[in-house]
């Protein structure tokens, strides 16, 4: 009976989050382009990214937008990026280069480089991406700016990963989708808590008014999500879900590379607002608990040949399982991931193992992070 009660509570909590996620699954992704388009400064921080910059800069230069500049912050690169960028300045009219030769002690390299790039921006609207990203269309800037109204200071974009035929890529696709589902859905219900720096827009005046990343400089990660966690509100934040606003990124190729990346991301979660830590923690705990209590009930039933209310337990879990499957599938199409529907039941269980492993990672390795 206790197991059934705990399973019911866990599934009940999951039902509440399913309602939140349904906002993304059924939201309209259309938006009109404003008549008056403000100037935009696209800022890219790059460390030893010569080959990626060689591909990215022409794609940014060819964006269908009237007033914008491309700021590349060359952060102490040693791969020939400096000479490449010097030549690129003669070819690409919108290009501006900020060179970092030294980072102050005790300061995150990425945050320092990003701050210098934003300071150098001549336009009020800042649009961030990374060197290993590629815009999905030539109207990326237009579609992101379409959500920036006079009462909005922040636009959260989506950045899926390119699809490859491997098990690590399949899970990266799902985990990235699940992260996007959370921060987009929470924003749609009035509680924005993070964004991703691969596709993120905000006003320079907001950045300066909030003292930029000054309070976060000692933290190795979180230049994107921690800043948004600090300044985003239900009133000043919008999302951009139009397919042309997607910014695709090159994924890690091995489990080891991806694990190192996730260690860095997980390490900053403890700096979120307490309310957001509670909401995200409850989501993770209820997901894990629903699977663990179901497995416990099935195991006990197999041992004793009988368990009271097992049919009810299976019924409650199957309702939760089916609704999760439906909402995830619909939402993945809205968020540009298009994960095959048959994979979601597998990922539903795999997410339990992932959340448990990340809990261990967070407790054991959170203080051993480095940006590079």
Protein backbone atom coordinates (compact mmCIF):
# COMPACT_ATOMS: atom_id res chain seq x y z
CA UNK A 1 0.00 0.00 0.00
CA UNK A 2 2.81 2.43 0.82
CA UNK A 3 4.45 1.73 -2.54
CA UNK A 4 1.17 2.36 -4.36
CA UNK A 5 0.68 5.64 -2.48
CA UNK A 6 4.19 6.85 -3.30
CA UNK A 7 3.80 5.85 -6.95
CA UNK A 8 0.49 7.73 -7.09
CA UNK A 9 2.10 10.87 -5.62
CA UNK A 10 5.03 10.69 -8.05
CA UNK A 11 2.74 10.22 -11.05
CA UNK A 12 0.44 12.97 -9.79
CA UNK A 13 3.36 15.41 -9.73
CA UNK A 14 4.34 14.25 -13.21
CA UNK A 15 0.82 15.01 -14.45
CA UNK A 16 1.25 18.63 -13.32
CA UNK A 17 4.49 18.97 -15.27
CA UNK A 18 2.87 17.32 -18.30
CA UNK A 19 0.31 20.15 -18.23
CA UNK A 20 3.16 22.67 -18.19
CA UNK A 21 4.91 20.93 -21.10
CA UNK A 22 1.69 20.84 -23.08
CA UNK A 23 2.00 24.62 -23.49
CA UNK A 24 4.99 24.04 -25.74
CA UNK A 25 3.42 21.06 -27.50
CA UNK A 26 0.41 23.08 -28.65
CA UNK A 27 1.71 26.66 -28.86
CA UNK A 28 1.68 28.54 -32.16
CA UNK A 29 5.14 29.19 -33.61
CA UNK A 30 4.18 32.00 -35.99
CA UNK A 31 5.25 35.61 -35.61
CA UNK A 32 5.20 38.66 -37.87
CA UNK A 33 8.34 40.59 -38.75
CA UNK A 34 8.31 44.15 -37.33
CA UNK A 35 8.13 47.03 -39.79
CA UNK A 36 10.97 48.85 -38.06
CA UNK A 37 13.93 46.55 -37.48
CA UNK A 38 16.49 47.64 -34.87
CA UNK A 39 20.21 47.14 -35.34
CA UNK A 40 21.60 43.86 -34.04
CA UNK A 41 25.09 42.93 -32.84
CA UNK A 42 25.77 39.21 -33.27
CA UNK A 43 28.43 38.23 -30.74
CA UNK A 44 30.50 35.04 -31.03
CA UNK A 45 33.23 34.07 -28.55
CA UNK A 46 35.86 31.81 -30.09
CA UNK A 47 38.84 29.94 -28.72
CA UNK A 48 40.81 28.00 -31.37
CA UNK A 49 37.81 27.88 -33.69
CA UNK A 50 39.40 28.84 -37.02
CA UNK A 51 37.72 26.11 -39.07
CA UNK A 52 34.31 26.73 -37.53
CA UNK A 53 34.64 30.48 -38.06
CA UNK A 54 35.53 29.85 -41.69
CA UNK A 55 32.08 28.26 -42.11
CA UNK A 56 30.05 30.43 -39.75
CA UNK A 57 31.07 33.96 -40.77
CA UNK A 58 29.79 33.69 -44.39
CA UNK A 59 26.47 32.31 -43.10
CA UNK A 60 26.11 35.25 -40.74
CA UNK A 61 27.21 37.77 -43.38
CA UNK A 62 24.47 36.50 -45.71
CA UNK A 63 21.63 36.98 -43.23
CA UNK A 64 18.64 38.82 -44.72
CA UNK A 65 18.72 41.74 -42.34
CA UNK A 66 19.55 45.39 -42.95
CA UNK A 67 21.41 46.68 -39.89
CA UNK A 68 23.65 44.21 -38.09
CA UNK A 69 27.27 43.56 -37.26
CA UNK A 70 29.21 40.38 -36.53
CA UNK A 71 31.54 40.59 -33.54
CA UNK A 72 34.03 37.75 -33.20
CA UNK A 73 35.83 37.73 -29.86
CA UNK A 74 39.12 35.93 -30.46
CA UNK A 75 39.93 34.64 -26.99
CA UNK A 76 43.66 33.86 -26.85
CA UNK A 77 43.49 31.48 -29.83
CA UNK A 78 46.67 29.72 -30.94
CA UNK A 79 45.37 27.93 -34.05
CA UNK A 80 45.84 30.71 -36.61
CA UNK A 81 42.49 32.36 -35.93
CA UNK A 82 44.11 35.79 -35.64
CA UNK A 83 45.58 35.74 -39.15
CA UNK A 84 42.40 34.26 -40.59
CA UNK A 85 40.27 36.96 -38.98
CA UNK A 86 42.64 39.69 -40.16
CA UNK A 87 42.08 38.56 -43.75
CA UNK A 88 38.36 38.04 -43.17
CA UNK A 89 38.00 41.70 -42.18
CA UNK A 90 38.89 42.63 -45.76
CA UNK A 91 36.18 40.34 -47.17
CA UNK A 92 33.21 40.61 -44.83
CA UNK A 93 31.90 44.13 -44.43
CA UNK A 94 29.89 43.44 -41.27
CA UNK A 95 32.74 41.79 -39.40
CA UNK A 96 34.36 43.27 -36.30
CA UNK A 97 37.07 41.48 -34.29
CA UNK A 98 37.78 41.88 -30.57
CA UNK A 99 41.03 40.27 -29.48
CA UNK A 100 41.62 38.99 -25.96
CA UNK A 101 45.28 38.49 -25.06
CA UNK A 102 44.92 38.04 -21.31
CA UNK A 103 42.18 37.12 -18.86
CA UNK A 104 42.35 38.52 -15.31
CA UNK A 105 43.12 35.99 -12.60
CA UNK A 106 40.15 34.33 -10.96
CA UNK A 107 37.81 35.25 -13.83
CA UNK A 108 36.01 32.90 -16.22
CA UNK A 109 37.56 33.19 -19.68
CA UNK A 110 34.22 32.80 -21.46
CA UNK A 111 32.45 35.41 -19.34
CA UNK A 112 35.29 37.88 -19.73
CA UNK A 113 35.39 37.40 -23.51
CA UNK A 114 31.61 37.71 -23.78
CA UNK A 115 31.62 40.89 -21.70
CA UNK A 116 34.25 42.48 -23.94
CA UNK A 117 32.26 41.54 -27.03
CA UNK A 118 29.08 43.11 -25.65
CA UNK A 119 30.93 46.26 -24.61
CA UNK A 120 32.20 46.56 -28.19
CA UNK A 121 28.71 46.21 -29.70
CA UNK A 122 27.37 49.34 -31.37
CA UNK A 123 23.76 48.19 -31.42
CA UNK A 124 21.27 47.89 -28.58
CA UNK A 125 20.18 44.34 -29.42
CA UNK A 126 22.69 41.57 -28.67
CA UNK A 127 22.28 38.17 -30.34
CA UNK A 128 24.55 35.40 -29.09
CA UNK A 129 25.72 32.20 -30.71
CA UNK A 130 28.83 29.98 -30.74
CA UNK A 131 31.45 29.28 -33.38
CA UNK A 132 30.33 25.68 -33.82
CA UNK A 133 26.75 26.73 -34.63
CA UNK A 134 25.02 27.18 -37.98
CA UNK A 135 21.81 29.20 -38.57
CA UNK A 136 18.97 27.13 -39.99
CA UNK A 137 17.99 29.89 -42.41
CA UNK A 138 19.04 33.27 -43.77
CA UNK A 139 16.23 34.82 -41.72
CA UNK A 140 17.53 33.73 -38.33
CA UNK A 141 18.04 37.31 -37.13
CA UNK A 142 14.63 38.38 -38.43
CA UNK A 143 12.82 35.57 -36.68
CA UNK A 144 14.57 36.17 -33.37
CA UNK A 145 13.92 39.91 -33.51
CA UNK A 146 10.23 39.31 -34.29
CA UNK A 147 9.69 38.38 -30.63
CA UNK A 148 11.44 41.47 -29.24
CA UNK A 149 8.66 43.95 -28.49
CA UNK A 150 8.97 47.23 -26.53
CA UNK A 151 8.12 45.42 -23.28
CA UNK A 152 10.44 42.47 -23.92
CA UNK A 153 14.17 42.55 -23.20
CA UNK A 154 15.02 38.86 -23.70
CA UNK A 155 14.27 36.31 -26.42
CA UNK A 156 15.08 32.66 -25.77
CA UNK A 157 15.90 30.69 -28.91
CA UNK A 158 16.27 26.99 -29.64
CA UNK A 159 19.54 25.30 -30.59
CA UNK A 160 19.22 21.64 -31.59
CA UNK A 161 22.23 19.53 -32.54
CA UNK A 162 22.93 18.15 -35.98
CA UNK A 163 21.75 14.56 -36.28
CA UNK A 164 24.25 11.74 -36.71
CA UNK A 165 23.83 7.99 -36.76
CA UNK A 166 25.17 6.96 -33.35
CA UNK A 167 23.86 6.07 -29.91
CA UNK A 168 25.57 9.03 -28.25
CA UNK A 169 24.03 11.42 -30.79
CA UNK A 170 20.58 9.91 -30.28
CA UNK A 171 20.73 10.58 -26.55
CA UNK A 172 22.27 14.03 -27.06
CA UNK A 173 19.32 14.86 -29.31
CA UNK A 174 16.87 13.77 -26.64
CA UNK A 175 18.63 15.41 -23.70
CA UNK A 176 18.92 18.70 -25.61
CA UNK A 177 15.25 18.50 -26.53
CA UNK A 178 14.28 17.77 -22.91
CA UNK A 179 16.27 20.78 -21.68
CA UNK A 180 14.63 23.03 -24.28
CA UNK A 181 11.20 21.65 -23.38
CA UNK A 182 11.76 22.66 -19.78
CA UNK A 183 13.04 26.21 -20.23
CA UNK A 184 10.59 27.04 -23.04
CA UNK A 185 7.58 25.58 -21.19
CA UNK A 186 8.45 27.28 -17.92
CA UNK A 187 8.81 30.57 -19.78
CA UNK A 188 5.42 30.14 -21.44
CA UNK A 189 3.77 29.70 -18.03
CA UNK A 190 5.52 32.77 -16.64
CA UNK A 191 8.66 31.41 -14.99
CA UNK A 192 11.71 31.85 -17.27
CA UNK A 193 14.82 30.44 -15.64
CA UNK A 194 17.49 29.86 -18.31
CA UNK A 195 18.48 30.15 -21.94
CA UNK A 196 21.23 28.72 -24.11
CA UNK A 197 24.04 30.94 -25.36
CA UNK A 198 23.98 29.23 -28.75
CA UNK A 199 20.79 31.15 -29.56
CA UNK A 200 19.99 33.95 -27.16
CA UNK A 201 18.99 37.60 -27.59
CA UNK A 202 18.80 40.43 -25.07
CA UNK A 203 19.18 44.19 -24.90
CA UNK A 204 22.59 45.66 -24.18
CA UNK A 205 20.96 48.17 -21.82
CA UNK A 206 19.61 45.27 -19.73
CA UNK A 207 23.08 43.74 -19.59
CA UNK A 208 24.65 47.02 -18.46
CA UNK A 209 21.84 47.87 -16.04
CA UNK A 210 22.29 44.50 -14.31
CA UNK A 211 26.09 44.93 -14.14
CA UNK A 212 26.50 42.27 -16.78
CA UNK A 213 28.20 39.11 -15.60
CA UNK A 214 30.12 40.83 -12.81
CA UNK A 215 28.51 38.80 -10.01
CA UNK A 216 29.11 35.58 -11.95
CA UNK A 217 32.73 36.06 -13.04
CA UNK A 218 34.12 33.64 -10.45
CA UNK A 219 31.85 30.81 -11.66
CA UNK A 220 33.41 28.76 -14.44
CA UNK A 221 30.18 28.09 -16.37
CA UNK A 222 26.75 29.60 -16.75
CA UNK A 223 27.48 32.69 -18.83
CA UNK A 224 24.09 32.16 -20.51
CA UNK A 225 21.75 30.37 -18.10
CA UNK A 226 22.89 32.06 -14.89
CA UNK A 227 22.56 35.54 -16.39
CA UNK A 228 19.05 34.74 -17.64
CA UNK A 229 18.21 33.17 -14.27
CA UNK A 230 19.17 36.45 -12.64
CA UNK A 231 17.38 38.92 -14.91
CA UNK A 232 14.50 37.12 -16.66
CA UNK A 233 10.91 37.72 -15.58
CA UNK A 234 7.48 36.75 -16.90
CA UNK A 235 7.09 40.29 -18.22
CA UNK A 236 10.44 40.83 -20.00
CA UNK A 237 11.04 37.42 -21.62
CA UNK A 238 9.74 35.89 -24.85
CA UNK A 239 10.53 32.74 -26.81
CA UNK A 240 11.17 32.22 -30.52
CA UNK A 241 9.93 28.90 -31.89
CA UNK A 242 9.70 29.61 -35.62
CA UNK A 243 11.67 27.00 -37.62
CA UNK A 244 13.70 29.76 -39.29
CA UNK A 245 14.94 30.94 -35.89
CA UNK A 246 16.66 27.63 -35.09
CA UNK A 247 20.42 27.63 -34.62
CA UNK A 248 21.91 24.16 -35.12
CA UNK A 249 25.10 23.14 -33.36
CA UNK A 250 27.76 20.49 -33.88
CA UNK A 251 27.37 17.81 -31.17
CA UNK A 252 30.05 16.00 -29.23
CA UNK A 253 31.14 12.81 -30.97
CA UNK A 254 31.88 10.55 -27.98
CA UNK A 255 30.32 9.76 -24.61
CA UNK A 256 33.46 11.07 -22.86
CA UNK A 257 33.30 14.47 -24.60
CA UNK A 258 29.59 14.80 -23.92
CA UNK A 259 30.02 13.74 -20.28
CA UNK A 260 32.65 16.45 -19.75
CA UNK A 261 30.30 19.01 -21.28
CA UNK A 262 27.41 17.94 -19.06
CA UNK A 263 29.59 18.03 -15.94
CA UNK A 264 30.23 21.69 -16.66
CA UNK A 265 26.54 22.43 -17.19
CA UNK A 266 25.38 20.55 -14.11
CA UNK A 267 27.92 22.35 -11.94
CA UNK A 268 26.09 25.68 -12.25
CA UNK A 269 22.64 24.39 -11.28
CA UNK A 270 23.29 25.12 -7.62
CA UNK A 271 23.46 28.85 -8.44
CA UNK A 272 19.89 29.01 -9.78
CA UNK A 273 17.21 30.76 -7.80
CA UNK A 274 15.94 28.53 -4.99
CA UNK A 275 12.48 28.44 -6.54
CA UNK A 276 13.89 27.12 -9.82
CA UNK A 277 16.05 24.56 -8.05
CA UNK A 278 12.94 23.31 -6.26
CA UNK A 279 10.83 23.09 -9.43
CA UNK A 280 13.53 21.33 -11.43
CA UNK A 281 14.43 19.07 -8.54
CA UNK A 282 10.81 18.06 -8.05
CA UNK A 283 10.49 17.31 -11.77
CA UNK A 284 13.57 15.08 -11.74
CA UNK A 285 12.66 13.38 -8.46
CA UNK A 286 9.10 12.59 -9.52
CA UNK A 287 10.29 11.15 -12.82
CA UNK A 288 12.83 8.89 -11.13
CA UNK A 289 10.40 7.94 -8.35
CA UNK A 290 7.63 6.94 -10.76
CA UNK A 291 9.90 4.38 -12.40
CA UNK A 292 11.55 3.16 -9.20
CA UNK A 293 8.28 2.65 -7.32
CA UNK A 294 6.73 0.87 -10.31
CA UNK A 295 9.74 -1.44 -10.57
CA UNK A 296 9.58 -2.04 -6.81
CA UNK A 297 5.89 -2.94 -6.96
CA UNK A 298 6.45 -5.32 -9.88
CA UNK A 299 9.39 -6.95 -8.11
CA UNK A 300 7.44 -7.38 -4.88
CA UNK A 301 4.52 -8.81 -6.81
CA UNK A 302 6.79 -11.33 -8.52
CA UNK A 303 8.29 -12.41 -5.19
CA UNK A 304 5.01 -12.72 -3.29
CA UNK A 305 2.82 -13.76 -6.25
CA UNK A 306 0.43 -11.01 -5.21
CA UNK A 307 0.41 -7.29 -4.59
CA UNK A 308 -2.71 -5.31 -3.62
CA UNK A 309 -3.78 -2.71 -6.17
CA UNK A 310 -1.17 -3.77 -8.75
CA UNK A 311 -3.70 -3.23 -11.54
CA UNK A 312 -4.32 0.30 -10.30
CA UNK A 313 -0.58 0.93 -10.03
CA UNK A 314 -0.02 -0.23 -13.59
CA UNK A 315 -2.97 1.83 -14.79
CA UNK A 316 -1.76 5.06 -13.19
CA UNK A 317 1.74 4.58 -14.54
CA UNK A 318 0.53 3.75 -18.06
CA UNK A 319 -1.57 6.93 -18.14
CA UNK A 320 1.47 8.96 -17.10
CA UNK A 321 3.63 7.04 -19.61
CA UNK A 322 1.21 7.58 -22.51
CA UNK A 323 0.66 11.29 -21.83
CA UNK A 324 4.40 11.85 -21.54
CA UNK A 325 4.95 10.06 -24.84
CA UNK A 326 2.30 12.18 -26.60
CA UNK A 327 3.43 15.54 -25.22
CA UNK A 328 7.13 14.85 -25.83
CA UNK A 329 6.44 13.83 -29.42
CA UNK A 330 4.31 16.91 -30.18
CA UNK A 331 6.75 19.25 -28.43
CA UNK A 332 9.79 17.81 -30.24
CA UNK A 333 8.23 18.85 -33.55
CA UNK A 334 7.71 22.40 -32.27
CA UNK A 335 11.29 22.62 -30.98
CA UNK A 336 12.99 21.49 -34.19
CA UNK A 337 14.21 18.13 -32.90
CA UNK A 338 11.75 15.74 -34.60
CA UNK A 339 12.81 12.72 -32.58
CA UNK A 340 11.22 9.51 -33.92
CA UNK A 341 8.15 8.72 -31.83
CA UNK A 342 9.15 5.12 -31.13
CA UNK A 343 12.27 6.31 -29.30
CA UNK A 344 10.45 8.22 -26.55
CA UNK A 345 9.46 5.16 -24.46
CA UNK A 346 13.13 4.15 -24.45
CA UNK A 347 14.24 7.63 -23.48
CA UNK A 348 11.59 7.80 -20.76
CA UNK A 349 13.37 5.02 -18.89
CA UNK A 350 16.87 6.13 -19.96
CA UNK A 351 16.13 9.56 -18.48
CA UNK A 352 15.79 7.92 -15.07
CA UNK A 353 19.29 6.49 -15.33
CA UNK A 354 20.61 9.80 -16.64
CA UNK A 355 19.08 11.82 -13.80
CA UNK A 356 20.50 9.44 -11.21
CA UNK A 357 23.97 9.62 -12.77
CA UNK A 358 23.85 13.43 -12.99
CA UNK A 359 22.91 13.59 -9.31
CA UNK A 360 26.10 11.65 -8.54
CA UNK A 361 28.13 13.85 -10.89
CA UNK A 362 26.77 17.01 -9.30
CA UNK A 363 27.72 15.89 -5.80
CA UNK A 364 31.17 14.50 -6.64
CA UNK A 365 32.58 16.66 -9.42
CA UNK A 366 30.88 20.05 -9.32
CA UNK A 367 33.93 21.81 -7.94
CA UNK A 368 36.38 20.40 -10.51
CA UNK A 369 35.19 22.23 -13.61
CA UNK A 370 37.15 24.18 -16.19
CA UNK A 371 35.81 26.05 -19.22
CA UNK A 372 38.21 24.34 -21.61
